[in-house]
Amino acid sequence: MNTEIIGHGFQLYLLKKALEKERLSHAFLFSGPEKVGKKTVAFSFSSQILQTKELKNHPDFIFLEPKKEGIFLGVIGIDQIRELILRLSLKPLKAKKKVAIIDEAHLMTLEAQNSFLKTLEEPKGECVIFLITEHPQWLLPTITSRCQEIKFYLVSKEIMLQFLKDKKVDQKLAEKLVEISQGRPGRLIEYLIQEKLSKREEYILLLKKVPFLSLKERLDLAEKLSRDENLKEILIFWLEYVREILIKRLSDLQKTEKLKTFLKNLEELFLLLSRYSLNLNLALDNFFLKI
C-alpha cells in the first residue's frame, strides 16, 4: 500500500504528542471518507509505536480486514475477532506493546462487535488498537464511546497539487487528477497509474450511454455487471464522476436537481450493496430502470 501521507497535519500532531507524553489510548477510531489516508496514518503510527519500518512480519503487529463474501460484500466475523483477542492477550515479543489495525471496522458482524466490546471494556496486556472506518455509525455506540476518535477530512487541492508538483507530474495532468480525486489522496495515488485512469474513463463512458439504452439493453447490462468482480470499483467511479459534474453545474438549478436525485439513488445502491446481502442483478435492474 501507499506509505506517503498527504495532508492531515493536525491529526499527525495529536498522535505525535500522545506518543511523546506516553498517553496513548488503548483504542483509536479513525473515521472519515474512504481513501483519505486513515489507514496510511495508522500504519505509519504503528511503525512508530513498534519502532520498526517493517510491520508485515513483526510478531507484535496484527492487521485485520474483512473476508470477501461474493463480488461486493465483505465481513469481519466472530472467529477473526476471537483470534485477535487471543493474540492481544499474549505478551509482546519484541516491542513494549502489541498493535492491531482493524480495517473497515464497520463490517464487523454484530456478534463480532459484541465480542470485541469486551476487549475494549477490559483490555488485557499492553496493546493499541486502530479501528479504520468511513461509517462509524454502523458500529455499536458502546464501541465508539470507548475509543478516542480522530476524524479525517478531505485534503485541500493545494496540498494535493503540491504533492504532484514534487513528483514532477505535468501541471495539466496534475490538475485533472486532483479534480477527479475529490480530496482523497488514496485515489490520487491510484490515478497516477494510467491503467486505473483509463478504466475510470471507460466506465464513465458506459454510464453516459445508459439513458439511451432500451429496456432490454439496460437489463442485460445489469446482469453483466452483477457478475463483474470490479463492480464496487465501477460504482465508485460513477459516484466520483456524478459528484464532480454536480459541482460544475451548481448554477444550473434544473440540471442540478436531476443530478442530485441520480446521485442519491447511486449512493443508496452503493450503501445497500455494502451492508446487505442483496441480489446484485435485481438491485442493478432497479437502479438502471430509474435512470
Foldseek 3Di string as FASTA:
>chain_A
DDQDQFDPPVVVVVLVVCVVVVNAAQEEEEEADPQQCSVSVLLVSQCVQQVHPDQPPQLQEEEAEFDDDALAETADEQVNLVVVLVSQQDEHDRGNHHEYEYEQQLRYDPNNLVVNLVCLVPPHYHYHYYYYHHCCVSHDPSVVVSHHYDYDYQADLVRQLVVVVVVVHDNVVSVVLSLLCRRRVRSSVVVVPVVLVVVLVVLVVVVVCLVVDDLVVQLVVQVVLLNDSCNLVSLVSVLSVLVSVLVVVVVPVVVNVVSVVLNVLSVVLNVCSHHDDDRSSVSSSVSSVVD
